[in-house]
């Protein structure tokens, strides 16, 4: 087995055996799907009461994905713990002794974490979509063949995976689970939303990683003062992820364990 293959197998074993990462993925899955079911159930009874303009603005795909925004907290925790748990326990020294080439070690950790996030996200996005649309029912629900739906599903998987990669990169720089989550959780779930609602600041806030990437979750193109589209927003998120991963790599190479 090559050095990279052995390192990936090593990282996969750590992910499977660390209870916190397994529970984080389980919570991400459960929260996303349960909220999608609840959303569909509630909207099934209220959609008919909306006026024509509100029904035209209603996006059943983005609304059905609202549970993933909550579940994303758990996915961020998974990405952070995949990297930083070894620093908090001190086991990073034994890991680097087993895989002394730091570039290989970092690549294996990143590859294993993002691949896991990709597979789990693909399942969660699909289940969330069908759960929400099944509960919504006609005439509010949409199918895979409707405009923008397949793009939103593919984009949803990419969005979650890139958010996880961004979290892993930042955790590699900070080397602290508490500090990294203390930055990311408020940023993704409070600060970005507040900044996006302030006139003037909104034009800058739209380029924050979570806000830019989340445009892809809509089956309808966004309207308003924003300059980003679904795919340009995804490109902005990808750029943030690349920067975070690159910073994590340089931190891994230059610092002592």
C-alpha atoms as a PDB file:
ATOM      1  CA  UNK A   1       0.000   0.000   0.000  1.00  0.00           C
ATOM      2  CA  UNK A   2       1.343   3.484  -0.867  1.00  0.00           C
ATOM      3  CA  UNK A   3       2.120   6.034   1.830  1.00  0.00           C
ATOM      4  CA  UNK A   4      -0.948   8.066   0.880  1.00  0.00           C
ATOM      5  CA  UNK A   5      -3.200   4.997   0.837  1.00  0.00           C
ATOM      6  CA  UNK A   6      -1.946   3.906   4.243  1.00  0.00           C
ATOM      7  CA  UNK A   7      -2.447   7.421   5.623  1.00  0.00           C
ATOM      8  CA  UNK A   8      -6.014   7.559   4.278  1.00  0.00           C
ATOM      9  CA  UNK A   9      -6.781   4.181   5.857  1.00  0.00           C
ATOM     10  CA  UNK A  10      -5.291   5.484   9.110  1.00  0.00           C
ATOM     11  CA  UNK A  11      -7.504   8.588   9.020  1.00  0.00           C
ATOM     12  CA  UNK A  12     -10.599   6.593   8.124  1.00  0.00           C
ATOM     13  CA  UNK A  13     -10.036   4.374  11.145  1.00  0.00           C
ATOM     14  CA  UNK A  14      -9.839   7.455  13.369  1.00  0.00           C
ATOM     15  CA  UNK A  15     -13.086   8.867  11.964  1.00  0.00           C
ATOM     16  CA  UNK A  16     -14.933   5.568  12.466  1.00  0.00           C
ATOM     17  CA  UNK A  17     -13.683   5.010  15.991  1.00  0.00           C
ATOM     18  CA  UNK A  18     -14.026   8.552  17.347  1.00  0.00           C
ATOM     19  CA  UNK A  19     -17.520   8.744  18.801  1.00  0.00           C
ATOM     20  CA  UNK A  20     -17.770  12.522  18.516  1.00  0.00           C
ATOM     21  CA  UNK A  21     -17.316  12.469  14.721  1.00  0.00           C
ATOM     22  CA  UNK A  22     -19.799   9.625  14.265  1.00  0.00           C
ATOM     23  CA  UNK A  23     -22.385  11.374  16.415  1.00  0.00           C
ATOM     24  CA  UNK A  24     -21.816  14.662  14.580  1.00  0.00           C
ATOM     25  CA  UNK A  25     -22.611  13.025  11.243  1.00  0.00           C
ATOM     26  CA  UNK A  26     -25.647  11.279  12.720  1.00  0.00           C
ATOM     27  CA  UNK A  27     -26.941  14.572  14.144  1.00  0.00           C
ATOM     28  CA  UNK A  28     -26.362  16.343  10.825  1.00  0.00           C
ATOM     29  CA  UNK A  29     -28.400  13.682   9.034  1.00  0.00           C
ATOM     30  CA  UNK A  30     -31.217  13.488  11.558  1.00  0.00           C
ATOM     31  CA  UNK A  31     -31.667  17.242  12.037  1.00  0.00           C
ATOM     32  CA  UNK A  32     -31.703  17.936   8.299  1.00  0.00           C
ATOM     33  CA  UNK A  33     -34.279  15.283   7.414  1.00  0.00           C
ATOM     34  CA  UNK A  34     -36.546  15.793  10.441  1.00  0.00           C
ATOM     35  CA  UNK A  35     -36.769  19.549   9.872  1.00  0.00           C
ATOM     36  CA  UNK A  36     -37.482  18.925   6.174  1.00  0.00           C
ATOM     37  CA  UNK A  37     -40.383  16.661   7.141  1.00  0.00           C
ATOM     38  CA  UNK A  38     -41.737  19.196   9.626  1.00  0.00           C
ATOM     39  CA  UNK A  39     -41.429  22.021   7.105  1.00  0.00           C
ATOM     40  CA  UNK A  40     -43.333  20.082   4.481  1.00  0.00           C
ATOM     41  CA  UNK A  41     -46.046  19.155   6.960  1.00  0.00           C
ATOM     42  CA  UNK A  42     -46.531  22.765   8.117  1.00  0.00           C
ATOM     43  CA  UNK A  43     -46.451  24.287   4.623  1.00  0.00           C
ATOM     44  CA  UNK A  44     -48.901  21.706   3.289  1.00  0.00           C
ATOM     45  CA  UNK A  45     -51.593  23.344   5.383  1.00  0.00           C
ATOM     46  CA  UNK A  46     -50.586  26.967   4.848  1.00  0.00           C
ATOM     47  CA  UNK A  47     -49.566  27.120   1.174  1.00  0.00           C
ATOM     48  CA  UNK A  48     -53.162  27.531  -0.025  1.00  0.00           C
ATOM     49  CA  UNK A  49     -53.598  30.548   2.266  1.00  0.00           C
ATOM     50  CA  UNK A  50     -50.745  32.462   0.585  1.00  0.00           C
ATOM     51  CA  UNK A  51     -51.635  35.110  -1.976  1.00  0.00           C
ATOM     52  CA  UNK A  52     -50.602  34.687  -5.602  1.00  0.00           C
ATOM     53  CA  UNK A  53     -47.459  36.806  -5.238  1.00  0.00           C
ATOM     54  CA  UNK A  54     -46.282  34.852  -2.191  1.00  0.00           C
ATOM     55  CA  UNK A  55     -46.906  31.543  -3.945  1.00  0.00           C
ATOM     56  CA  UNK A  56     -44.880  32.735  -6.930  1.00  0.00           C
ATOM     57  CA  UNK A  57     -41.965  33.685  -4.651  1.00  0.00           C
ATOM     58  CA  UNK A  58     -42.130  30.451  -2.677  1.00  0.00           C
ATOM     59  CA  UNK A  59     -39.170  28.159  -3.355  1.00  0.00           C
ATOM     60  CA  UNK A  60     -40.043  24.626  -2.202  1.00  0.00           C
ATOM     61  CA  UNK A  61     -36.477  23.381  -2.706  1.00  0.00           C
ATOM     62  CA  UNK A  62     -34.674  26.087  -0.703  1.00  0.00           C
ATOM     63  CA  UNK A  63     -37.362  25.972   1.979  1.00  0.00           C
ATOM     64  CA  UNK A  64     -37.079  22.194   2.168  1.00  0.00           C
ATOM     65  CA  UNK A  65     -33.336  22.539   2.679  1.00  0.00           C
ATOM     66  CA  UNK A  66     -33.826  24.808   5.705  1.00  0.00           C
ATOM     67  CA  UNK A  67     -33.109  21.857   7.972  1.00  0.00           C
ATOM     68  CA  UNK A  68     -29.641  21.497   6.493  1.00  0.00           C
ATOM     69  CA  UNK A  69     -28.766  24.976   7.749  1.00  0.00           C
ATOM     70  CA  UNK A  70     -29.416  23.717  11.263  1.00  0.00           C
ATOM     71  CA  UNK A  71     -27.751  20.387  10.600  1.00  0.00           C
ATOM     72  CA  UNK A  72     -24.731  22.186   9.191  1.00  0.00           C
ATOM     73  CA  UNK A  73     -23.692  23.038  12.750  1.00  0.00           C
ATOM     74  CA  UNK A  74     -23.044  19.332  13.308  1.00  0.00           C
ATOM     75  CA  UNK A  75     -21.170  19.036  10.002  1.00  0.00           C
ATOM     76  CA  UNK A  76     -18.935  21.957  10.983  1.00  0.00           C
ATOM     77  CA  UNK A  77     -18.289  20.200  14.301  1.00  0.00           C
ATOM     78  CA  UNK A  78     -17.356  17.034  12.388  1.00  0.00           C
ATOM     79  CA  UNK A  79     -14.867  18.890  10.194  1.00  0.00           C
ATOM     80  CA  UNK A  80     -13.297  20.710  13.131  1.00  0.00           C
ATOM     81  CA  UNK A  81     -12.991  17.612  15.318  1.00  0.00           C
ATOM     82  CA  UNK A  82     -11.534  15.555  12.484  1.00  0.00           C
ATOM     83  CA  UNK A  83      -8.546  17.916  12.540  1.00  0.00           C
ATOM     84  CA  UNK A  84      -8.279  19.470  15.975  1.00  0.00           C
ATOM     85  CA  UNK A  85      -9.169  16.580  18.296  1.00  0.00           C
ATOM     86  CA  UNK A  86      -5.640  15.205  17.955  1.00  0.00           C
ATOM     87  CA  UNK A  87      -4.152  18.510  19.078  1.00  0.00           C
ATOM     88  CA  UNK A  88      -6.351  18.679  22.177  1.00  0.00           C
ATOM     89  CA  UNK A  89      -5.510  15.092  23.212  1.00  0.00           C
ATOM     90  CA  UNK A  90      -1.837  15.248  22.256  1.00  0.00           C
ATOM     91  CA  UNK A  91      -2.174  12.258  19.929  1.00  0.00           C
ATOM     92  CA  UNK A  92      -0.949  14.401  17.029  1.00  0.00           C
ATOM     93  CA  UNK A  93       2.619  13.450  17.969  1.00  0.00           C
ATOM     94  CA  UNK A  94       1.978   9.732  17.559  1.00  0.00           C
ATOM     95  CA  UNK A  95       0.062  10.374  14.330  1.00  0.00           C
ATOM     96  CA  UNK A  96       2.985  12.340  12.868  1.00  0.00           C
ATOM     97  CA  UNK A  97       5.353   9.597  14.025  1.00  0.00           C
ATOM     98  CA  UNK A  98       3.239   7.089  12.071  1.00  0.00           C
ATOM     99  CA  UNK A  99       2.978   9.415   9.025  1.00  0.00           C
ATOM    100  CA  UNK A 100       6.078  11.653   9.221  1.00  0.00           C
ATOM    101  CA  UNK A 101       5.531  13.341   5.853  1.00  0.00           C
ATOM    102  CA  UNK A 102       3.299  16.228   6.870  1.00  0.00           C
ATOM    103  CA  UNK A 103       2.046  16.937   3.382  1.00  0.00           C
ATOM    104  CA  UNK A 104       0.845  13.330   3.072  1.00  0.00           C
ATOM    105  CA  UNK A 105      -0.626  13.442   6.575  1.00  0.00           C
ATOM    106  CA  UNK A 106      -2.564  16.648   5.886  1.00  0.00           C
ATOM    107  CA  UNK A 107      -3.731  15.521   2.451  1.00  0.00           C
ATOM    108  CA  UNK A 108      -4.965  12.197   3.845  1.00  0.00           C
ATOM    109  CA  UNK A 109      -6.833  13.895   6.678  1.00  0.00           C
ATOM    110  CA  UNK A 110      -8.426  16.419   4.313  1.00  0.00           C
ATOM    111  CA  UNK A 111      -9.279  13.813   1.684  1.00  0.00           C
ATOM    112  CA  UNK A 112     -10.856  11.438   4.193  1.00  0.00           C
ATOM    113  CA  UNK A 113     -12.851  14.156   5.936  1.00  0.00           C
ATOM    114  CA  UNK A 114     -14.183  15.793   2.788  1.00  0.00           C
ATOM    115  CA  UNK A 115     -14.934  12.445   1.116  1.00  0.00           C
ATOM    116  CA  UNK A 116     -16.941  11.417   4.171  1.00  0.00           C
ATOM    117  CA  UNK A 117     -18.770  14.749   4.147  1.00  0.00           C
ATOM    118  CA  UNK A 118     -19.459  14.368   0.408  1.00  0.00           C
ATOM    119  CA  UNK A 119     -21.006  10.904   0.742  1.00  0.00           C
ATOM    120  CA  UNK A 120     -23.075  11.765   3.820  1.00  0.00           C
ATOM    121  CA  UNK A 121     -24.192  15.066   2.267  1.00  0.00           C
ATOM    122  CA  UNK A 122     -25.319  13.309  -0.911  1.00  0.00           C
ATOM    123  CA  UNK A 123     -27.561  11.054   1.163  1.00  0.00           C
ATOM    124  CA  UNK A 124     -28.840  13.858   3.390  1.00  0.00           C
ATOM    125  CA  UNK A 125     -29.566  16.273   0.521  1.00  0.00           C
ATOM    126  CA  UNK A 126     -31.489  13.591  -1.381  1.00  0.00           C
ATOM    127  CA  UNK A 127     -33.495  12.471   1.643  1.00  0.00           C
ATOM    128  CA  UNK A 128     -34.243  16.061   2.676  1.00  0.00           C
ATOM    129  CA  UNK A 129     -35.508  16.927  -0.794  1.00  0.00           C
ATOM    130  CA  UNK A 130     -37.833  13.950  -1.131  1.00  0.00           C
ATOM    131  CA  UNK A 131     -39.019  14.227   2.486  1.00  0.00           C
ATOM    132  CA  UNK A 132     -39.982  17.882   2.058  1.00  0.00           C
ATOM    133  CA  UNK A 133     -41.621  17.437  -1.343  1.00  0.00           C
ATOM    134  CA  UNK A 134     -43.558  14.354  -0.223  1.00  0.00           C
ATOM    135  CA  UNK A 135     -44.960  16.172   2.786  1.00  0.00           C
ATOM    136  CA  UNK A 136     -45.701  19.321   0.750  1.00  0.00           C
ATOM    137  CA  UNK A 137     -47.739  17.538  -1.868  1.00  0.00           C
ATOM    138  CA  UNK A 138     -49.365  19.131  -4.913  1.00  0.00           C
ATOM    139  CA  UNK A 139     -49.475  21.932  -6.005  1.00  0.00           C
ATOM    140  CA  UNK A 140     -46.582  23.296  -3.914  1.00  0.00           C
ATOM    141  CA  UNK A 141     -44.078  20.481  -4.446  1.00  0.00           C
ATOM    142  CA  UNK A 142     -41.636  20.094  -7.348  1.00  0.00           C
ATOM    143  CA  UNK A 143     -39.938  17.135  -9.020  1.00  0.00           C
ATOM    144  CA  UNK A 144     -36.395  16.457 -10.192  1.00  0.00           C
ATOM    145  CA  UNK A 145     -37.315  17.408 -13.749  1.00  0.00           C
ATOM    146  CA  UNK A 146     -38.421  20.937 -12.821  1.00  0.00           C
ATOM    147  CA  UNK A 147     -36.151  23.882 -13.624  1.00  0.00           C
ATOM    148  CA  UNK A 148     -33.316  24.447 -11.191  1.00  0.00           C
ATOM    149  CA  UNK A 149     -34.084  21.447  -8.980  1.00  0.00           C
ATOM    150  CA  UNK A 150     -31.251  19.160 -10.046  1.00  0.00           C
ATOM    151  CA  UNK A 151     -28.811  22.077  -9.882  1.00  0.00           C
ATOM    152  CA  UNK A 152     -29.915  22.794  -6.319  1.00  0.00           C
ATOM    153  CA  UNK A 153     -29.451  19.168  -5.279  1.00  0.00           C
ATOM    154  CA  UNK A 154     -25.968  18.916  -6.789  1.00  0.00           C
ATOM    155  CA  UNK A 155     -25.110  22.332  -5.390  1.00  0.00           C
ATOM    156  CA  UNK A 156     -26.358  21.310  -1.956  1.00  0.00           C
ATOM    157  CA  UNK A 157     -23.897  18.426  -1.846  1.00  0.00           C
ATOM    158  CA  UNK A 158     -21.042  20.671  -2.991  1.00  0.00           C
ATOM    159  CA  UNK A 159     -22.044  23.375  -0.522  1.00  0.00           C
ATOM    160  CA  UNK A 160     -21.932  21.070   2.487  1.00  0.00           C
ATOM    161  CA  UNK A 161     -18.670  19.483   1.366  1.00  0.00           C
ATOM    162  CA  UNK A 162     -16.945  22.827   0.845  1.00  0.00           C
ATOM    163  CA  UNK A 163     -18.192  24.142   4.193  1.00  0.00           C
ATOM    164  CA  UNK A 164     -16.634  21.064   5.803  1.00  0.00           C
ATOM    165  CA  UNK A 165     -13.351  21.625   3.917  1.00  0.00           C
ATOM    166  CA  UNK A 166     -13.316  25.282   4.995  1.00  0.00           C
ATOM    167  CA  UNK A 167     -13.874  24.231   8.614  1.00  0.00           C
ATOM    168  CA  UNK A 168     -11.059  21.677   8.435  1.00  0.00           C
ATOM    169  CA  UNK A 169      -8.655  24.216   6.962  1.00  0.00           C
ATOM    170  CA  UNK A 170      -9.402  26.794   9.654  1.00  0.00           C
ATOM    171  CA  UNK A 171      -9.102  24.150  12.379  1.00  0.00           C
ATOM    172  CA  UNK A 172      -5.644  23.264  11.026  1.00  0.00           C
ATOM    173  CA  UNK A 173      -4.604  26.887  11.415  1.00  0.00           C
ATOM    174  CA  UNK A 174      -6.064  27.443  14.890  1.00  0.00           C
ATOM    175  CA  UNK A 175      -5.450  23.929  16.303  1.00  0.00           C
ATOM    176  CA  UNK A 176      -8.246  24.394  18.835  1.00  0.00           C
ATOM    177  CA  UNK A 177     -11.730  22.877  18.660  1.00  0.00           C
ATOM    178  CA  UNK A 178     -13.254  25.466  20.988  1.00  0.00           C
ATOM    179  CA  UNK A 179     -11.665  28.449  19.251  1.00  0.00           C
ATOM    180  CA  UNK A 180     -12.524  27.253  15.739  1.00  0.00           C
ATOM    181  CA  UNK A 181     -16.139  26.450  16.584  1.00  0.00           C
ATOM    182  CA  UNK A 182     -16.346  29.670  18.598  1.00  0.00           C
ATOM    183  CA  UNK A 183     -15.604  31.524  15.352  1.00  0.00           C
ATOM    184  CA  UNK A 184     -17.499  29.434  12.795  1.00  0.00           C
ATOM    185  CA  UNK A 185     -20.767  28.761  14.608  1.00  0.00           C
ATOM    186  CA  UNK A 186     -21.551  32.442  15.346  1.00  0.00           C
ATOM    187  CA  UNK A 187     -20.295  33.462  11.893  1.00  0.00           C
ATOM    188  CA  UNK A 188     -22.421  30.959   9.974  1.00  0.00           C
ATOM    189  CA  UNK A 189     -25.545  31.081  12.105  1.00  0.00           C
ATOM    190  CA  UNK A 190     -25.799  34.620  13.444  1.00  0.00           C
ATOM    191  CA  UNK A 191     -23.244  37.179  12.273  1.00  0.00           C
ATOM    192  CA  UNK A 192     -23.577  36.576   8.523  1.00  0.00           C
ATOM    193  CA  UNK A 193     -27.375  36.755   8.741  1.00  0.00           C
ATOM    194  CA  UNK A 194     -27.241  40.036  10.685  1.00  0.00           C
ATOM    195  CA  UNK A 195     -24.710  41.602   8.316  1.00  0.00           C
ATOM    196  CA  UNK A 196     -26.739  40.508   5.294  1.00  0.00           C
ATOM    197  CA  UNK A 197     -29.761  42.414   6.609  1.00  0.00           C
ATOM    198  CA  UNK A 198     -27.946  45.738   7.092  1.00  0.00           C
ATOM    199  CA  UNK A 199     -28.235  48.096   4.087  1.00  0.00           C
ATOM    200  CA  UNK A 200     -24.850  48.972   2.649  1.00  0.00           C
ATOM    201  CA  UNK A 201     -23.093  46.159   4.504  1.00  0.00           C
ATOM    202  CA  UNK A 202     -25.126  43.616   2.543  1.00  0.00           C
ATOM    203  CA  UNK A 203     -23.091  44.236  -0.616  1.00  0.00           C
ATOM    204  CA  UNK A 204     -19.985  43.001   1.198  1.00  0.00           C
ATOM    205  CA  UNK A 205     -21.686  40.376   3.387  1.00  0.00           C
ATOM    206  CA  UNK A 206     -22.924  38.461   0.343  1.00  0.00           C
ATOM    207  CA  UNK A 207     -19.310  37.347  -0.215  1.00  0.00           C
ATOM    208  CA  UNK A 208     -19.081  35.581   3.146  1.00  0.00           C
ATOM    209  CA  UNK A 209     -18.589  31.838   2.540  1.00  0.00           C
ATOM    210  CA  UNK A 210     -21.901  30.531   3.895  1.00  0.00           C
ATOM    211  CA  UNK A 211     -24.042  33.258   2.301  1.00  0.00           C
ATOM    212  CA  UNK A 212     -22.352  33.071  -1.097  1.00  0.00           C
ATOM    213  CA  UNK A 213     -22.519  29.293  -1.292  1.00  0.00           C
ATOM    214  CA  UNK A 214     -26.099  29.016  -0.056  1.00  0.00           C
ATOM    215  CA  UNK A 215     -27.441  30.692  -3.227  1.00  0.00           C
ATOM    216  CA  UNK A 216     -27.054  27.319  -4.956  1.00  0.00           C
ATOM    217  CA  UNK A 217     -29.662  25.804  -2.628  1.00  0.00           C
ATOM    218  CA  UNK A 218     -32.415  27.704  -4.431  1.00  0.00           C
ATOM    219  CA  UNK A 219     -34.208  26.360  -7.460  1.00  0.00           C
ATOM    220  CA  UNK A 220     -34.960  29.953  -8.499  1.00  0.00           C
ATOM    221  CA  UNK A 221     -32.269  32.520  -9.223  1.00  0.00           C
ATOM    222  CA  UNK A 222     -31.947  35.068  -6.398  1.00  0.00           C
ATOM    223  CA  UNK A 223     -33.358  38.552  -6.815  1.00  0.00           C
ATOM    224  CA  UNK A 224     -32.349  41.794  -5.147  1.00  0.00           C
ATOM    225  CA  UNK A 225     -29.201  43.888  -4.944  1.00  0.00           C
ATOM    226  CA  UNK A 226     -26.767  40.977  -4.888  1.00  0.00           C
ATOM    227  CA  UNK A 227     -24.306  40.514  -7.743  1.00  0.00           C
ATOM    228  CA  UNK A 228     -23.788  36.779  -7.228  1.00  0.00           C
ATOM    229  CA  UNK A 229     -25.650  34.005  -9.021  1.00  0.00           C
ATOM    230  CA  UNK A 230     -25.948  30.411  -7.876  1.00  0.00           C
ATOM    231  CA  UNK A 231     -22.710  29.280  -9.520  1.00  0.00           C
ATOM    232  CA  UNK A 232     -20.657  32.424  -8.922  1.00  0.00           C
ATOM    233  CA  UNK A 233     -21.642  32.178  -5.269  1.00  0.00           C
ATOM    234  CA  UNK A 234     -20.414  28.589  -5.260  1.00  0.00           C
ATOM    235  CA  UNK A 235     -17.144  29.785  -6.809  1.00  0.00           C
ATOM    236  CA  UNK A 236     -16.756  32.308  -3.962  1.00  0.00           C
ATOM    237  CA  UNK A 237     -17.274  29.547  -1.381  1.00  0.00           C
ATOM    238  CA  UNK A 238     -14.766  27.340  -3.209  1.00  0.00           C
ATOM    239  CA  UNK A 239     -12.222  30.181  -3.093  1.00  0.00           C
ATOM    240  CA  UNK A 240     -12.727  30.536   0.670  1.00  0.00           C
ATOM    241  CA  UNK A 241     -12.269  26.781   1.084  1.00  0.00           C
ATOM    242  CA  UNK A 242      -9.082  26.757  -1.006  1.00  0.00           C
ATOM    243  CA  UNK A 243      -7.640  29.646   1.019  1.00  0.00           C
ATOM    244  CA  UNK A 244      -8.473  27.940   4.328  1.00  0.00           C
ATOM    245  CA  UNK A 245      -7.032  24.606   3.188  1.00  0.00           C
ATOM    246  CA  UNK A 246      -3.865  26.274   1.885  1.00  0.00           C
ATOM    247  CA  UNK A 247      -3.436  28.191   5.153  1.00  0.00           C
ATOM    248  CA  UNK A 248      -3.895  24.945   7.065  1.00  0.00           C
ATOM    249  CA  UNK A 249      -1.241  23.262   4.942  1.00  0.00           C
ATOM    250  CA  UNK A 250       1.321  25.989   5.578  1.00  0.00           C
ATOM    251  CA  UNK A 251       0.505  25.938   9.295  1.00  0.00           C
ATOM    252  CA  UNK A 252       0.985  22.171   9.360  1.00  0.00           C
ATOM    253  CA  UNK A 253       4.335  22.402   7.561  1.00  0.00           C
ATOM    254  CA  UNK A 254       5.808  25.282   9.572  1.00  0.00           C
ATOM    255  CA  UNK A 255       4.700  24.628  13.154  1.00  0.00           C
ATOM    256  CA  UNK A 256       5.804  22.006  15.642  1.00  0.00           C
ATOM    257  CA  UNK A 257       3.294  19.420  16.765  1.00  0.00           C
END
